Amino acid sequence: MKRNKRDRQLLLKATIDENPFITDEELADRFSVSVQTIRLDRLELSIPELRERIKYVASKKLEDEVRSLPIEEVIGEIIDIELDQSAISIFDVREEHVFQRNQITRGHHLFAQANSLAVAVINDELALTIEATIRYHRSVKIHERVIAKAKVLSTDETRTIVEVNSFIGQEQVFSGTFNMYRSTSDK
């Protein structure tokens, strides 16, 4: 459905505020306009391109420090984290992550992104995966961007249950529930 420019720009701003990781191509599809129209609308509204929005969210949200593992050991790039609550990471699939014959991502990369995010979200110096129940919903191809969202479901003295859902755009590609051990030392 075509909208007038003013309405489209209001919806564009609201959509980007809700999901700052949405691409211009996804926006163009959603609003049934060209990518160039989306870019012109963003310029008029002073909304930066995707890469700049990601950097902004990362610098604003990563005030909490990941305690359970060094940040460079997280698979993907953490862009938002609230310890013992939730976290988000982005993983861009490159050539080294896929099978050469079909360009499909090796499953252990999706698991590693989710598992390392489940470890990172825990506010403890020691966090280990005890058990995981996972499901792959569809194959992920080279050059796709996987956004993983972790949510802490429950915590007691030594255990934390973390749910991780991974998406490409609005489509779910992976889900997992991670039963995590945490130390009993004072935090």
Protein backbone atom coordinates (compact mmCIF):
# COMPACT_ATOMS: atom_id res chain seq x y z
CA MET A 1 0.00 0.00 0.00
CA LYS A 2 1.46 3.35 -1.07
CA ARG A 3 1.55 6.06 1.56
CA ASN A 4 2.12 9.76 1.17
CA LYS A 5 5.63 10.98 1.95
CA ARG A 6 4.79 12.47 5.35
CA ASP A 7 3.06 9.30 6.60
CA ARG A 8 5.81 7.08 5.19
CA GLN A 9 8.50 9.13 6.94
CA LEU A 10 6.67 8.98 10.27
CA LEU A 11 6.35 5.20 9.95
CA LEU A 12 9.97 4.94 8.77
CA LYS A 13 11.21 6.76 11.86
CA ALA A 14 9.05 4.61 14.16
CA THR A 15 10.20 1.42 12.44
CA ILE A 16 13.89 2.33 12.78
CA ASP A 17 13.39 3.39 16.41
CA GLU A 18 11.86 -0.03 17.10
CA ASN A 19 14.53 -1.96 15.16
CA PRO A 20 17.70 0.06 14.50
CA PHE A 21 19.24 -2.96 12.69
CA ILE A 22 16.76 -3.00 9.81
CA THR A 23 18.36 -2.52 6.40
CA ASP A 24 17.34 -0.03 3.72
CA GLU A 25 16.38 -2.97 1.50
CA GLU A 26 14.04 -4.37 4.18
CA LEU A 27 12.52 -0.91 4.66
CA ALA A 28 12.00 -0.52 0.91
CA ASP A 29 10.18 -3.86 0.81
CA ARG A 30 8.07 -2.98 3.84
CA PHE A 31 6.99 0.40 2.43
CA SER A 32 6.81 -0.70 -1.25
CA VAL A 33 9.22 1.98 -2.43
CA SER A 34 12.72 1.98 -3.87
CA VAL A 35 15.86 1.78 -1.75
CA GLN A 36 16.78 5.25 -3.05
CA THR A 37 13.48 6.64 -1.71
CA ILE A 38 14.28 5.16 1.72
CA ARG A 39 17.75 6.71 1.63
CA LEU A 40 16.34 10.12 0.70
CA ASP A 41 13.76 9.85 3.49
CA ARG A 42 16.50 8.94 5.99
CA LEU A 43 18.57 11.93 4.86
CA GLU A 44 15.61 14.30 5.28
CA LEU A 45 14.95 12.88 8.74
CA SER A 46 18.68 12.92 9.68
CA ILE A 47 18.63 9.17 10.35
CA PRO A 48 22.09 7.66 9.82
CA GLU A 49 22.79 4.60 7.71
CA LEU A 50 22.69 1.12 9.26
CA ARG A 51 26.41 0.92 10.08
CA GLU A 52 26.29 4.23 11.99
CA ARG A 53 23.11 3.22 13.84
CA ILE A 54 24.80 -0.01 14.94
CA LYS A 55 27.88 1.87 16.18
CA TYR A 56 25.69 4.30 18.08
CA VAL A 57 23.68 1.55 19.78
CA ALA A 58 26.90 -0.30 20.65
CA SER A 59 28.60 2.72 22.19
CA LYS A 60 25.45 3.73 24.10
CA LYS A 61 24.51 0.29 25.39
CA LEU A 62 27.80 -1.43 26.23
CA GLU A 63 28.26 0.43 29.50
CA ASP A 64 27.95 -2.82 31.43
CA GLU A 65 31.07 -4.93 31.33
CA VAL A 66 30.92 -8.56 30.30
CA ARG A 67 32.30 -10.44 33.29
CA SER A 68 32.12 -14.11 32.36
CA LEU A 69 34.47 -14.08 29.34
CA PRO A 70 36.68 -11.63 27.49
CA ILE A 71 34.66 -9.61 24.97
CA GLU A 72 36.93 -10.78 22.13
CA GLU A 73 35.86 -14.39 22.85
CA VAL A 74 32.22 -13.64 22.11
CA ILE A 75 31.21 -14.94 18.68
CA GLY A 76 29.57 -12.04 16.88
CA GLU A 77 29.55 -8.44 18.03
CA ILE A 78 27.64 -7.59 21.19
CA ILE A 79 25.68 -4.43 20.61
CA ASP A 80 23.48 -4.39 23.70
CA ILE A 81 23.76 -6.02 27.10
CA GLU A 82 22.07 -5.75 30.48
CA LEU A 83 23.77 -8.28 32.72
CA ASP A 84 21.48 -11.00 34.08
CA GLN A 85 18.67 -9.68 31.87
CA SER A 86 19.24 -9.54 28.12
CA ALA A 87 21.79 -9.14 25.35
CA ILE A 88 21.95 -8.77 21.57
CA SER A 89 24.74 -9.66 19.18
CA ILE A 90 25.26 -9.44 15.43
CA PHE A 91 27.08 -12.05 13.37
CA ASP A 92 27.85 -11.36 9.71
CA VAL A 93 28.31 -14.61 7.81
CA ARG A 94 31.47 -14.54 5.70
CA GLU A 95 33.16 -17.02 3.41
CA GLU A 96 35.09 -18.71 6.22
CA HIS A 97 31.82 -19.57 8.01
CA VAL A 98 30.16 -21.53 5.18
CA PHE A 99 30.49 -24.83 3.37
CA GLN A 100 32.15 -24.07 0.04
CA ARG A 101 29.92 -26.37 -2.02
CA ASN A 102 26.60 -24.74 -1.09
CA GLN A 103 27.44 -21.47 0.74
CA ILE A 104 25.39 -22.55 3.80
CA THR A 105 26.66 -21.53 7.23
CA ARG A 106 28.16 -24.28 9.34
CA GLY A 107 25.81 -24.88 12.26
CA HIS A 108 28.47 -24.60 14.92
CA HIS A 109 28.86 -20.87 14.14
CA LEU A 110 25.20 -20.19 14.92
CA PHE A 111 25.45 -22.30 18.07
CA ALA A 112 28.67 -20.50 19.08
CA GLN A 113 27.05 -17.09 18.66
CA ALA A 114 24.08 -18.12 20.82
CA ASN A 115 26.14 -19.97 23.44
CA SER A 116 28.70 -17.19 23.86
CA LEU A 117 25.86 -14.65 24.20
CA ALA A 118 24.26 -16.86 26.89
CA VAL A 119 27.59 -16.89 28.74
CA ALA A 120 28.19 -13.15 28.28
CA VAL A 121 24.81 -12.10 29.68
CA ILE A 122 25.56 -13.72 33.05
CA ASN A 123 26.79 -11.33 35.73
CA ASP A 124 29.42 -13.65 37.17
CA GLU A 125 33.08 -14.36 36.57
CA LEU A 126 32.34 -18.03 35.93
CA ALA A 127 29.57 -19.18 33.61
CA LEU A 128 29.53 -22.61 31.96
CA THR A 129 26.98 -24.32 29.75
CA ILE A 130 25.53 -27.40 31.47
CA GLU A 131 22.92 -28.29 28.90
CA ALA A 132 21.40 -26.77 25.78
CA THR A 133 18.28 -27.51 23.80
CA ILE A 134 18.64 -26.02 20.34
CA ARG A 135 16.78 -25.91 17.06
CA TYR A 136 17.83 -24.73 13.62
CA HIS A 137 14.80 -23.25 11.82
CA ARG A 138 16.37 -22.67 8.41
CA SER A 139 19.73 -22.61 6.65
CA VAL A 140 21.74 -19.41 6.79
CA LYS A 141 23.65 -18.36 3.69
CA ILE A 142 26.83 -16.39 3.11
CA HIS A 143 26.50 -12.58 3.50
CA GLU A 144 23.43 -12.82 5.74
CA ARG A 145 23.38 -10.97 9.07
CA VAL A 146 22.26 -13.00 12.10
CA ILE A 147 20.92 -11.05 15.08
CA ALA A 148 20.85 -13.11 18.28
CA LYS A 149 18.77 -11.98 21.25
CA ALA A 150 19.36 -13.51 24.67
CA LYS A 151 16.91 -13.26 27.55
CA VAL A 152 17.49 -14.55 31.07
CA LEU A 153 14.43 -16.59 32.04
CA SER A 154 15.40 -17.53 35.60
CA THR A 155 18.30 -17.39 38.02
CA ASP A 156 19.02 -19.05 41.33
CA GLU A 157 22.22 -19.31 43.36
CA THR A 158 24.11 -21.55 40.93
CA ARG A 159 21.98 -21.82 37.79
CA THR A 160 20.67 -19.48 35.12
CA ILE A 161 18.37 -20.36 32.25
CA VAL A 162 18.96 -18.26 29.13
CA GLU A 163 16.80 -18.29 26.02
CA VAL A 164 18.46 -17.23 22.76
CA ASN A 165 16.60 -16.57 19.52
CA SER A 166 18.44 -15.70 16.31
CA PHE A 167 16.92 -13.89 13.36
CA ILE A 168 17.65 -12.71 9.85
CA GLY A 169 15.37 -9.74 9.46
CA GLN A 170 12.10 -10.89 10.98
CA GLU A 171 12.67 -14.59 10.19
CA GLN A 172 13.80 -16.86 13.01
CA VAL A 173 16.73 -19.09 12.04
CA PHE A 174 17.85 -20.54 15.40
CA SER A 175 16.52 -20.94 18.93
CA GLY A 176 18.00 -22.38 22.06
CA THR A 177 17.53 -22.68 25.78
CA PHE A 178 20.79 -22.78 27.72
CA ASN A 179 21.06 -24.12 31.27
CA MET A 180 24.08 -22.29 32.66
CA TYR A 181 26.16 -22.91 35.78
CA ARG A 182 27.37 -19.81 37.64
CA SER A 183 29.73 -19.70 40.60
CA THR A 184 28.42 -19.08 44.09
CA SER A 185 31.01 -16.44 44.89
CA ASP A 186 29.90 -12.93 45.82
CA LYS A 187 29.35 -10.75 42.79
